[in-house]
C-alpha atoms as a PDB file:
ATOM      1  CA  MET A   1     110.711 204.022  52.140  1.00  0.00           C
ATOM      2  CA  GLY A   2     111.134 201.666  49.142  1.00  0.00           C
ATOM      3  CA  TYR A   3     111.983 198.132  49.374  1.00  0.00           C
ATOM      4  CA  THR A   4     111.226 195.030  46.519  1.00  0.00           C
ATOM      5  CA  SER A   5     108.102 192.386  46.565  1.00  0.00           C
ATOM      6  CA  ASN A   6     110.304 189.931  48.239  1.00  0.00           C
ATOM      7  CA  MET A   7     110.910 191.871  51.681  1.00  0.00           C
ATOM      8  CA  MET A   8     107.204 191.451  52.060  1.00  0.00           C
ATOM      9  CA  SER A   9     106.910 187.841  51.368  1.00  0.00           C
ATOM     10  CA  CYS A  10     109.829 186.426  54.319  1.00  0.00           C
ATOM     11  CA  GLY A  11     110.077 188.008  57.598  1.00  0.00           C
ATOM     12  CA  ALA A  12     110.474 192.120  57.052  1.00  0.00           C
ATOM     13  CA  ARG A  13     106.469 192.501  57.166  1.00  0.00           C
ATOM     14  CA  GLU A  14     106.461 192.902  60.948  1.00  0.00           C
ATOM     15  CA  ILE A  15     109.054 195.425  60.842  1.00  0.00           C
ATOM     16  CA  ILE A  16     107.369 197.327  57.712  1.00  0.00           C
ATOM     17  CA  LYS A  17     103.739 196.898  59.524  1.00  0.00           C
ATOM     18  CA  TYR A  18     105.213 198.539  62.739  1.00  0.00           C
ATOM     19  CA  MET A  19     106.896 201.250  60.772  1.00  0.00           C
ATOM     20  CA  CYS A  20     103.492 202.190  59.139  1.00  0.00           C
ATOM     21  CA  LYS A  21     101.565 201.953  62.500  1.00  0.00           C
ATOM     22  CA  HIS A  22     103.392 204.428  64.128  1.00  0.00           C
ATOM     23  CA  LYS A  23     103.617 206.629  61.498  1.00  0.00           C
ATOM     24  CA  LEU A  24     107.690 206.179  61.080  1.00  0.00           C
ATOM     25  CA  ILE A  25     107.444 206.787  57.162  1.00  0.00           C
ATOM     26  CA  ASP A  26     105.617 209.044  55.003  1.00  0.00           C
ATOM     27  CA  ALA A  27     105.243 206.708  52.093  1.00  0.00           C
ATOM     28  CA  ILE A  28     106.067 203.276  50.422  1.00  0.00           C
ATOM     29  CA  VAL A  29     107.050 202.755  46.745  1.00  0.00           C
ATOM     30  CA  THR A  30     107.455 198.898  46.263  1.00  0.00           C
ATOM     31  CA  THR A  31     107.010 196.230  43.237  1.00  0.00           C
ATOM     32  CA  GLY A  32     104.285 194.296  42.261  1.00  0.00           C
ATOM     33  CA  GLY A  33     106.089 190.945  42.095  1.00  0.00           C
ATOM     34  CA  GLY A  34     106.191 188.849  44.802  1.00  0.00           C
ATOM     35  CA  VAL A  35     102.404 187.589  44.090  1.00  0.00           C
ATOM     36  CA  GLU A  36     103.159 184.281  43.429  1.00  0.00           C
ATOM     37  CA  GLU A  37     104.760 183.820  46.849  1.00  0.00           C
ATOM     38  CA  ASP A  38     101.230 184.851  48.423  1.00  0.00           C
ATOM     39  CA  PHE A  39      99.617 182.698  46.434  1.00  0.00           C
ATOM     40  CA  MET A  40     101.533 179.787  47.333  1.00  0.00           C
ATOM     41  CA  LYS A  41     100.481 180.868  50.944  1.00  0.00           C
ATOM     42  CA  ILE A  42      97.121 180.182  50.533  1.00  0.00           C
ATOM     43  CA  PHE A  43      97.490 176.681  48.173  1.00  0.00           C
ATOM     44  CA  LEU A  44      99.554 174.750  51.464  1.00  0.00           C
ATOM     45  CA  ASP A  45     101.101 175.875  55.090  1.00  0.00           C
ATOM     46  CA  THR A  46     104.239 178.142  55.194  1.00  0.00           C
ATOM     47  CA  TYR A  47     105.817 178.274  58.773  1.00  0.00           C
ATOM     48  CA  VAL A  48     108.469 180.920  60.309  1.00  0.00           C
ATOM     49  CA  ASN A  49     111.830 180.302  60.723  1.00  0.00           C
ATOM     50  CA  GLU A  50     115.269 181.526  61.391  1.00  0.00           C
ATOM     51  CA  TYR A  51     117.236 183.156  59.345  1.00  0.00           C
ATOM     52  CA  VAL A  52     120.097 180.900  59.816  1.00  0.00           C
ATOM     53  CA  VAL A  53     119.342 178.189  58.684  1.00  0.00           C
ATOM     54  CA  ASP A  54     121.150 174.659  56.653  1.00  0.00           C
ATOM     55  CA  ASP A  55     119.635 175.271  53.069  1.00  0.00           C
ATOM     56  CA  ARG A  56     121.350 172.597  51.776  1.00  0.00           C
ATOM     57  CA  LYS A  57     119.678 170.270  54.089  1.00  0.00           C
ATOM     58  CA  MET A  58     116.038 172.342  53.699  1.00  0.00           C
ATOM     59  CA  ARG A  59     116.147 171.355  50.172  1.00  0.00           C
ATOM     60  CA  ARG A  60     117.087 167.955  50.621  1.00  0.00           C
ATOM     61  CA  ASN A  61     113.963 167.807  52.897  1.00  0.00           C
ATOM     62  CA  GLY A  62     111.830 169.120  49.948  1.00  0.00           C
ATOM     63  CA  GLN A  63     111.964 172.938  51.652  1.00  0.00           C
ATOM     64  CA  ASN A  64     112.418 176.332  50.073  1.00  0.00           C
ATOM     65  CA  ARG A  65     112.858 179.747  52.345  1.00  0.00           C
ATOM     66  CA  ILE A  66     111.748 183.203  51.821  1.00  0.00           C
ATOM     67  CA  GLY A  67     113.890 185.192  54.080  1.00  0.00           C
ATOM     68  CA  ASN A  68     113.112 183.301  57.135  1.00  0.00           C
ATOM     69  CA  MET A  69     109.516 181.205  55.544  1.00  0.00           C
ATOM     70  CA  LEU A  70     109.236 178.129  54.965  1.00  0.00           C
ATOM     71  CA  ILE A  71     107.631 176.949  51.582  1.00  0.00           C
ATOM     72  CA  ALA A  72     107.082 173.119  50.719  1.00  0.00           C
ATOM     73  CA  ASN A  73     108.544 171.970  47.116  1.00  0.00           C
ATOM     74  CA  GLU A  74     104.471 171.193  46.797  1.00  0.00           C
ATOM     75  CA  SER A  75     103.404 174.857  46.991  1.00  0.00           C
ATOM     76  CA  TYR A  76     105.243 175.483  44.116  1.00  0.00           C
ATOM     77  CA  VAL A  77     103.540 172.641  42.407  1.00  0.00           C
ATOM     78  CA  ALA A  78     100.212 173.730  43.664  1.00  0.00           C
ATOM     79  CA  LEU A  79     101.002 177.277  42.146  1.00  0.00           C
ATOM     80  CA  GLU A  80     101.869 175.563  38.561  1.00  0.00           C
ATOM     81  CA  GLU A  81      99.095 173.323  38.512  1.00  0.00           C
ATOM     82  CA  TRP A  82      96.721 175.953  39.545  1.00  0.00           C
ATOM     83  CA  LEU A  83      98.392 179.120  37.466  1.00  0.00           C
ATOM     84  CA  THR A  84      98.983 177.560  33.899  1.00  0.00           C
ATOM     85  CA  PRO A  85      95.487 176.913  32.733  1.00  0.00           C
ATOM     86  CA  GLN A  86      94.643 180.325  33.929  1.00  0.00           C
ATOM     87  CA  LEU A  87      97.518 181.483  31.784  1.00  0.00           C
ATOM     88  CA  ASN A  88      97.042 179.036  28.872  1.00  0.00           C
ATOM     89  CA  GLU A  89      93.137 180.245  28.906  1.00  0.00           C
ATOM     90  CA  LEU A  90      94.120 183.998  28.562  1.00  0.00           C
ATOM     91  CA  SER A  91      96.379 183.514  25.740  1.00  0.00           C
ATOM     92  CA  LYS A  92      93.427 181.608  23.786  1.00  0.00           C
ATOM     93  CA  ARG A  93      91.288 184.838  24.517  1.00  0.00           C
ATOM     94  CA  GLN A  94      93.810 187.201  23.540  1.00  0.00           C
END
């Protein structure tokens, strides 16, 4: 089974977990992306919502979504504040 990394960050995670647990797939091939979304889940709370929502209204309320997961704007700010010094340090070492 192949899937893009964003599928793991959104509500498809439970479906993939079920398929693995019940041996419905032999192998998984995926990308390495989506790591930033996992970090954002660590910094601030995320919430599961419906897939069909008013995206414009969510954006006005400072929320974003990845599939059915709600991510606050502040999560992106927190990621940037944490990641930028890390990248700067790595750049100096290089």
